[in-house]
Amino acid sequence: GKSAAVRSFQMLSTKSAGSWGARGGQRRGMASAGAEEIEDKGKRAGVEFYQFSFVDLFGVQRSKLVPAARVRSIAESGAGFAGFAAHLDMTPADGDLLGIPDPNSFAVLPWNPRVAWVACDLFLNGEELAHAPRNVLRNVLRQVKTKLKAHLKTGVECEFFLLAPPPRAPPGAPPPPPPAPRIADPCDTQLKSCYDAQALMRRFELIASMMEHMHALGW
């Protein structure tokens, strides 16, 4: 059967105009059209699963895996999430959140083409969760456009370090204390190793794979 969260959302969606008003009908229509679009895109791509995802207040990506056979109904009614289980400044008394996926965010994972990723907008009791990061950003963009008559443009530079995995204890032995982090490339000893050609080629397989995936995503 359907979860309590989905039943709750559907009950709210069918209440009178005094509860939802014009926005309720518009949201239902948009969710229905978006669900159909997501299903169609997935069928054309041969997707078997969908990763319904959102980001919490700590920047942690949270997801649920939805099978293709159920994607349209769940995308339309919303995927249920317990908000208190993520970093969203909520308690169990707040009830379940519903994630409505955005069809414009649909992306097949190049490293696992059986799965498509979609970003979700979070709702609580039929209304947008005001402090959800995606909703906050949308509100800021709206204010920039209406109040400042401007368009916000951003660029993201994602940087990371490759660290060596910690040593594993022999079977049955207690785990050793965590060691200090070590750079994965033991030959990376220069004071200024940025753009070093040899270091680059020592990690060719990893970097080439990342570039191929980024190209496939259209980045």
C-alpha atoms as a PDB file:
ATOM      1  CA  GLY A   1       0.000   0.000   0.000  1.00  0.00           C
ATOM      2  CA  LYS A   2       0.956   3.652  -0.253  1.00  0.00           C
ATOM      3  CA  SER A   3       2.891   5.296   2.547  1.00  0.00           C
ATOM      4  CA  ALA A   4       1.176   7.566   5.033  1.00  0.00           C
ATOM      5  CA  ALA A   5       3.113  10.478   3.550  1.00  0.00           C
ATOM      6  CA  VAL A   6       1.782   9.839   0.042  1.00  0.00           C
ATOM      7  CA  ARG A   7      -1.777   9.371   1.309  1.00  0.00           C
ATOM      8  CA  SER A   8      -1.454  12.579   3.316  1.00  0.00           C
ATOM      9  CA  PHE A   9      -0.237  14.520   0.282  1.00  0.00           C
ATOM     10  CA  GLN A  10      -3.049  13.168  -1.861  1.00  0.00           C
ATOM     11  CA  MET A  11      -5.624  14.088   0.789  1.00  0.00           C
ATOM     12  CA  LEU A  12      -4.218  17.602   0.972  1.00  0.00           C
ATOM     13  CA  SER A  13      -4.240  17.826  -2.818  1.00  0.00           C
ATOM     14  CA  THR A  14      -7.960  17.113  -2.960  1.00  0.00           C
ATOM     15  CA  LYS A  15      -9.030  19.560  -0.258  1.00  0.00           C
ATOM     16  CA  SER A  16     -11.049  22.654  -0.978  1.00  0.00           C
ATOM     17  CA  ALA A  17      -9.709  25.857  -2.490  1.00  0.00           C
ATOM     18  CA  GLY A  18      -9.561  27.341   0.977  1.00  0.00           C
ATOM     19  CA  SER A  19      -6.710  25.005   1.822  1.00  0.00           C
ATOM     20  CA  TRP A  20      -4.742  24.997  -1.426  1.00  0.00           C
ATOM     21  CA  GLY A  21      -6.198  27.817  -3.447  1.00  0.00           C
ATOM     22  CA  ALA A  22      -5.156  28.348  -7.052  1.00  0.00           C
ATOM     23  CA  ARG A  23      -1.613  27.290  -6.302  1.00  0.00           C
ATOM     24  CA  GLY A  24      -2.762  23.806  -5.316  1.00  0.00           C
ATOM     25  CA  GLY A  25      -4.323  23.090  -8.682  1.00  0.00           C
ATOM     26  CA  GLN A  26      -1.316  24.544 -10.472  1.00  0.00           C
ATOM     27  CA  ARG A  27       1.084  22.411  -8.438  1.00  0.00           C
ATOM     28  CA  ARG A  28      -0.901  19.254  -9.081  1.00  0.00           C
ATOM     29  CA  GLY A  29      -0.953  19.979 -12.781  1.00  0.00           C
ATOM     30  CA  MET A  30       2.778  20.692 -12.870  1.00  0.00           C
ATOM     31  CA  ALA A  31       3.554  17.537 -10.873  1.00  0.00           C
ATOM     32  CA  SER A  32       1.446  15.428 -13.226  1.00  0.00           C
ATOM     33  CA  ALA A  33       3.070  16.882 -16.345  1.00  0.00           C
ATOM     34  CA  GLY A  34       6.520  16.562 -14.796  1.00  0.00           C
ATOM     35  CA  ALA A  35       5.914  12.928 -13.855  1.00  0.00           C
ATOM     36  CA  GLU A  36       4.884  12.111 -17.413  1.00  0.00           C
ATOM     37  CA  GLU A  37       7.959  13.883 -18.797  1.00  0.00           C
ATOM     38  CA  ILE A  38      10.306  12.049 -16.429  1.00  0.00           C
ATOM     39  CA  GLU A  39       8.776   8.693 -17.342  1.00  0.00           C
ATOM     40  CA  ASP A  40       9.051   9.439 -21.076  1.00  0.00           C
ATOM     41  CA  LYS A  41      12.688  10.510 -20.787  1.00  0.00           C
ATOM     42  CA  GLY A  42      13.499   7.388 -18.809  1.00  0.00           C
ATOM     43  CA  LYS A  43      11.844   5.096 -21.330  1.00  0.00           C
ATOM     44  CA  ARG A  44      13.792   6.649 -24.189  1.00  0.00           C
ATOM     45  CA  ALA A  45      17.044   6.261 -22.233  1.00  0.00           C
ATOM     46  CA  GLY A  46      16.289   2.690 -21.127  1.00  0.00           C
ATOM     47  CA  VAL A  47      16.468   3.647 -17.454  1.00  0.00           C
ATOM     48  CA  GLU A  48      15.554   1.020 -14.865  1.00  0.00           C
ATOM     49  CA  PHE A  49      15.809   3.113 -11.694  1.00  0.00           C
ATOM     50  CA  TYR A  50      15.551   6.757 -10.668  1.00  0.00           C
ATOM     51  CA  GLN A  51      17.493   8.464  -7.904  1.00  0.00           C
ATOM     52  CA  PHE A  52      15.127  10.989  -6.306  1.00  0.00           C
ATOM     53  CA  SER A  53      17.487  13.388  -4.576  1.00  0.00           C
ATOM     54  CA  PHE A  54      17.692  16.502  -2.428  1.00  0.00           C
ATOM     55  CA  VAL A  55      20.401  18.319  -0.474  1.00  0.00           C
ATOM     56  CA  ASP A  56      20.099  19.024   3.248  1.00  0.00           C
ATOM     57  CA  LEU A  57      21.331  22.049   5.203  1.00  0.00           C
ATOM     58  CA  PHE A  58      24.802  20.531   5.631  1.00  0.00           C
ATOM     59  CA  GLY A  59      25.188  20.009   1.880  1.00  0.00           C
ATOM     60  CA  VAL A  60      24.720  16.238   2.148  1.00  0.00           C
ATOM     61  CA  GLN A  61      22.943  14.680  -0.824  1.00  0.00           C
ATOM     62  CA  ARG A  62      20.031  12.455   0.220  1.00  0.00           C
ATOM     63  CA  SER A  63      18.290  10.044  -2.145  1.00  0.00           C
ATOM     64  CA  LYS A  64      15.728   7.321  -2.636  1.00  0.00           C
ATOM     65  CA  LEU A  65      15.849   4.750  -5.416  1.00  0.00           C
ATOM     66  CA  VAL A  66      12.600   4.455  -7.360  1.00  0.00           C
ATOM     67  CA  PRO A  67      11.942   1.610  -9.847  1.00  0.00           C
ATOM     68  CA  ALA A  68      10.896   2.550 -13.356  1.00  0.00           C
ATOM     69  CA  ALA A  69       7.578   0.734 -12.938  1.00  0.00           C
ATOM     70  CA  ARG A  70       6.553   3.176 -10.188  1.00  0.00           C
ATOM     71  CA  VAL A  71       8.279   6.370 -11.242  1.00  0.00           C
ATOM     72  CA  ARG A  72       5.249   8.124 -12.721  1.00  0.00           C
ATOM     73  CA  SER A  73       2.945   7.600  -9.736  1.00  0.00           C
ATOM     74  CA  ILE A  74       5.627   8.459  -7.168  1.00  0.00           C
ATOM     75  CA  ALA A  75       6.851  11.473  -9.143  1.00  0.00           C
ATOM     76  CA  GLU A  76       3.298  12.803  -9.287  1.00  0.00           C
ATOM     77  CA  SER A  77       2.371  12.244  -5.642  1.00  0.00           C
ATOM     78  CA  GLY A  78       5.852  12.730  -4.164  1.00  0.00           C
ATOM     79  CA  ALA A  79       8.528  10.509  -2.650  1.00  0.00           C
ATOM     80  CA  GLY A  80       8.292  10.412   1.127  1.00  0.00           C
ATOM     81  CA  PHE A  81      11.253  11.412   3.300  1.00  0.00           C
ATOM     82  CA  ALA A  82      11.490  11.692   7.078  1.00  0.00           C
ATOM     83  CA  GLY A  83      12.811  15.228   7.429  1.00  0.00           C
ATOM     84  CA  PHE A  84      14.224  14.670  10.924  1.00  0.00           C
ATOM     85  CA  ALA A  85      16.439  11.872   9.570  1.00  0.00           C
ATOM     86  CA  ALA A  86      18.417  14.418   7.531  1.00  0.00           C
ATOM     87  CA  HIS A  87      19.967  17.742   8.530  1.00  0.00           C
ATOM     88  CA  LEU A  88      16.860  19.847   7.935  1.00  0.00           C
ATOM     89  CA  ASP A  89      16.279  21.234  11.451  1.00  0.00           C
ATOM     90  CA  MET A  90      13.131  19.126  11.883  1.00  0.00           C
ATOM     91  CA  THR A  91      11.727  16.709  14.472  1.00  0.00           C
ATOM     92  CA  PRO A  92       9.513  13.607  14.160  1.00  0.00           C
ATOM     93  CA  ALA A  93       6.557  15.835  15.081  1.00  0.00           C
ATOM     94  CA  ASP A  94       6.929  17.696  11.781  1.00  0.00           C
ATOM     95  CA  GLY A  95       5.697  14.790   9.687  1.00  0.00           C
ATOM     96  CA  ASP A  96       7.065  13.452   6.421  1.00  0.00           C
ATOM     97  CA  LEU A  97       8.391  15.533   3.572  1.00  0.00           C
ATOM     98  CA  LEU A  98       7.454  14.882  -0.027  1.00  0.00           C
ATOM     99  CA  GLY A  99      10.005  15.247  -2.799  1.00  0.00           C
ATOM    100  CA  ILE A 100       8.561  16.278  -6.177  1.00  0.00           C
ATOM    101  CA  PRO A 101      11.177  15.709  -8.905  1.00  0.00           C
ATOM    102  CA  ASP A 102      12.058  18.396 -11.433  1.00  0.00           C
ATOM    103  CA  PRO A 103      12.017  16.917 -14.973  1.00  0.00           C
ATOM    104  CA  ASN A 104      14.514  19.553 -16.139  1.00  0.00           C
ATOM    105  CA  SER A 105      17.122  18.017 -13.830  1.00  0.00           C
ATOM    106  CA  PHE A 106      16.835  14.528 -15.364  1.00  0.00           C
ATOM    107  CA  ALA A 107      20.283  13.065 -16.017  1.00  0.00           C
ATOM    108  CA  VAL A 108      21.342   9.502 -16.754  1.00  0.00           C
ATOM    109  CA  LEU A 109      24.413   8.543 -14.699  1.00  0.00           C
ATOM    110  CA  PRO A 110      27.203   7.828 -17.189  1.00  0.00           C
ATOM    111  CA  TRP A 111      28.941   5.459 -14.753  1.00  0.00           C
ATOM    112  CA  ASN A 112      25.667   3.561 -14.213  1.00  0.00           C
ATOM    113  CA  PRO A 113      23.284   4.074 -17.171  1.00  0.00           C
ATOM    114  CA  ARG A 114      20.616   1.945 -15.489  1.00  0.00           C
ATOM    115  CA  VAL A 115      19.991   4.903 -13.147  1.00  0.00           C
ATOM    116  CA  ALA A 116      18.719   8.439 -13.804  1.00  0.00           C
ATOM    117  CA  TRP A 117      19.151  11.234 -11.238  1.00  0.00           C
ATOM    118  CA  VAL A 118      16.494  13.876 -10.598  1.00  0.00           C
ATOM    119  CA  ALA A 119      16.538  16.779  -8.138  1.00  0.00           C
ATOM    120  CA  CYS A 120      13.472  17.102  -5.907  1.00  0.00           C
ATOM    121  CA  ASP A 121      11.623  20.095  -4.504  1.00  0.00           C
ATOM    122  CA  LEU A 122      10.633  19.465  -0.878  1.00  0.00           C
ATOM    123  CA  PHE A 123       7.085  20.000   0.375  1.00  0.00           C
ATOM    124  CA  LEU A 124       5.599  19.768   3.870  1.00  0.00           C
ATOM    125  CA  ASN A 125       1.826  19.648   4.341  1.00  0.00           C
ATOM    126  CA  GLY A 126       1.253  20.800   0.787  1.00  0.00           C
ATOM    127  CA  GLU A 127       3.553  23.817   0.990  1.00  0.00           C
ATOM    128  CA  GLU A 128       7.168  24.295  -0.064  1.00  0.00           C
ATOM    129  CA  LEU A 129       9.601  23.689   2.793  1.00  0.00           C
ATOM    130  CA  ALA A 130      10.856  27.264   3.031  1.00  0.00           C
ATOM    131  CA  HIS A 131      14.356  26.469   4.328  1.00  0.00           C
ATOM    132  CA  ALA A 132      15.101  23.590   1.941  1.00  0.00           C
ATOM    133  CA  PRO A 133      18.248  24.681   0.026  1.00  0.00           C
ATOM    134  CA  ARG A 134      16.705  24.302  -3.425  1.00  0.00           C
ATOM    135  CA  ASN A 135      13.651  26.320  -2.391  1.00  0.00           C
ATOM    136  CA  VAL A 136      15.837  28.990  -0.780  1.00  0.00           C
ATOM    137  CA  LEU A 137      17.875  29.332  -3.968  1.00  0.00           C
ATOM    138  CA  ARG A 138      14.755  29.587  -6.107  1.00  0.00           C
ATOM    139  CA  ASN A 139      13.405  32.340  -3.849  1.00  0.00           C
ATOM    140  CA  VAL A 140      16.703  34.249  -4.023  1.00  0.00           C
ATOM    141  CA  LEU A 141      16.733  33.996  -7.815  1.00  0.00           C
ATOM    142  CA  ARG A 142      13.169  35.289  -7.896  1.00  0.00           C
ATOM    143  CA  GLN A 143      14.100  38.272  -5.731  1.00  0.00           C
ATOM    144  CA  VAL A 144      17.165  39.050  -7.832  1.00  0.00           C
ATOM    145  CA  LYS A 145      15.002  39.093 -10.938  1.00  0.00           C
ATOM    146  CA  THR A 146      12.033  41.040  -9.553  1.00  0.00           C
ATOM    147  CA  LYS A 147      13.715  43.460  -7.137  1.00  0.00           C
ATOM    148  CA  LEU A 148      17.107  44.010  -8.769  1.00  0.00           C
ATOM    149  CA  LYS A 149      16.044  43.406 -12.379  1.00  0.00           C
ATOM    150  CA  ALA A 150      19.145  41.242 -12.743  1.00  0.00           C
ATOM    151  CA  HIS A 151      20.132  37.659 -13.499  1.00  0.00           C
ATOM    152  CA  LEU A 152      22.376  35.710 -11.135  1.00  0.00           C
ATOM    153  CA  LYS A 153      25.258  33.872 -12.776  1.00  0.00           C
ATOM    154  CA  THR A 154      27.474  31.514 -10.821  1.00  0.00           C
ATOM    155  CA  GLY A 155      30.395  29.215 -11.461  1.00  0.00           C
ATOM    156  CA  VAL A 156      31.371  26.216  -9.371  1.00  0.00           C
ATOM    157  CA  GLU A 157      34.917  24.928  -9.060  1.00  0.00           C
ATOM    158  CA  CYS A 158      34.895  21.551  -7.334  1.00  0.00           C
ATOM    159  CA  GLU A 159      38.240  20.651  -5.784  1.00  0.00           C
ATOM    160  CA  PHE A 160      39.153  17.523  -3.857  1.00  0.00           C
ATOM    161  CA  PHE A 161      42.087  15.510  -2.536  1.00  0.00           C
ATOM    162  CA  LEU A 162      42.882  11.859  -3.200  1.00  0.00           C
ATOM    163  CA  LEU A 163      43.880  10.208   0.079  1.00  0.00           C
ATOM    164  CA  ALA A 164      45.299   6.743   0.666  1.00  0.00           C
ATOM    165  CA  PRO A 165      42.860   4.337   2.368  1.00  0.00           C
ATOM    166  CA  PRO A 166      43.669   3.533   5.996  1.00  0.00           C
ATOM    167  CA  PRO A 167      45.262   0.151   6.711  1.00  0.00           C
ATOM    168  CA  ARG A 168      42.911  -2.677   7.568  1.00  0.00           C
ATOM    169  CA  ALA A 169      43.311  -4.806  10.656  1.00  0.00           C
ATOM    170  CA  PRO A 170      43.774  -8.579  10.220  1.00  0.00           C
ATOM    171  CA  PRO A 171      40.606 -10.664  10.693  1.00  0.00           C
ATOM    172  CA  GLY A 172      39.712 -10.866  14.373  1.00  0.00           C
ATOM    173  CA  ALA A 173      42.121  -8.127  15.418  1.00  0.00           C
ATOM    174  CA  PRO A 174      40.867  -4.846  16.878  1.00  0.00           C
ATOM    175  CA  PRO A 175      40.910  -1.933  14.426  1.00  0.00           C
ATOM    176  CA  PRO A 176      44.027   0.214  14.633  1.00  0.00           C
ATOM    177  CA  PRO A 177      43.747   3.879  15.647  1.00  0.00           C
ATOM    178  CA  PRO A 178      42.997   6.114  12.682  1.00  0.00           C
ATOM    179  CA  PRO A 179      46.232   7.270  11.054  1.00  0.00           C
ATOM    180  CA  ALA A 180      46.950  10.759   9.848  1.00  0.00           C
ATOM    181  CA  PRO A 181      45.624  11.299   6.291  1.00  0.00           C
ATOM    182  CA  ARG A 182      48.139  10.474   3.576  1.00  0.00           C
ATOM    183  CA  ILE A 183      48.151  11.719  -0.017  1.00  0.00           C
ATOM    184  CA  ALA A 184      47.353   8.819  -2.328  1.00  0.00           C
ATOM    185  CA  ASP A 185      50.257   9.590  -4.668  1.00  0.00           C
ATOM    186  CA  PRO A 186      53.497   8.920  -2.741  1.00  0.00           C
ATOM    187  CA  CYS A 187      55.488  10.650  -5.496  1.00  0.00           C
ATOM    188  CA  ASP A 188      53.629  13.920  -4.978  1.00  0.00           C
ATOM    189  CA  THR A 189      56.312  15.632  -2.883  1.00  0.00           C
ATOM    190  CA  GLN A 190      56.822  18.986  -4.609  1.00  0.00           C
ATOM    191  CA  LEU A 191      56.227  22.232  -2.752  1.00  0.00           C
ATOM    192  CA  LYS A 192      54.154  23.429  -5.709  1.00  0.00           C
ATOM    193  CA  SER A 193      52.761  20.369  -7.414  1.00  0.00           C
ATOM    194  CA  CYS A 194      49.867  22.080  -9.214  1.00  0.00           C
ATOM    195  CA  TYR A 195      49.807  21.384 -12.963  1.00  0.00           C
ATOM    196  CA  ASP A 196      52.734  18.954 -12.677  1.00  0.00           C
ATOM    197  CA  ALA A 197      52.640  16.918 -15.896  1.00  0.00           C
ATOM    198  CA  GLN A 198      54.008  13.722 -14.364  1.00  0.00           C
ATOM    199  CA  ALA A 199      51.573  13.835 -11.449  1.00  0.00           C
ATOM    200  CA  LEU A 200      48.754  14.391 -13.927  1.00  0.00           C
ATOM    201  CA  MET A 201      49.648  11.332 -15.973  1.00  0.00           C
ATOM    202  CA  ARG A 202      50.106   9.168 -12.887  1.00  0.00           C
ATOM    203  CA  ARG A 203      46.386   9.700 -12.310  1.00  0.00           C
ATOM    204  CA  PHE A 204      45.427   9.545 -15.978  1.00  0.00           C
ATOM    205  CA  GLU A 205      42.863   6.731 -15.660  1.00  0.00           C
ATOM    206  CA  LEU A 206      40.916   8.503 -12.913  1.00  0.00           C
ATOM    207  CA  ILE A 207      41.007  11.946 -14.537  1.00  0.00           C
ATOM    208  CA  ALA A 208      40.145  10.609 -17.995  1.00  0.00           C
ATOM    209  CA  SER A 209      37.189   8.696 -16.574  1.00  0.00           C
ATOM    210  CA  MET A 210      35.918  11.822 -14.794  1.00  0.00           C
ATOM    211  CA  MET A 211      36.242  13.895 -17.966  1.00  0.00           C
ATOM    212  CA  GLU A 212      34.322  11.300 -19.989  1.00  0.00           C
ATOM    213  CA  HIS A 213      31.503  11.285 -17.461  1.00  0.00           C
ATOM    214  CA  MET A 214      31.377  15.085 -17.348  1.00  0.00           C
ATOM    215  CA  HIS A 215      31.209  15.235 -21.142  1.00  0.00           C
ATOM    216  CA  ALA A 216      28.389  12.697 -21.161  1.00  0.00           C
ATOM    217  CA  LEU A 217      26.473  14.873 -18.673  1.00  0.00           C
ATOM    218  CA  GLY A 218      26.941  17.919 -20.903  1.00  0.00           C
ATOM    219  CA  TRP A 219      29.104  19.820 -18.428  1.00  0.00           C
END
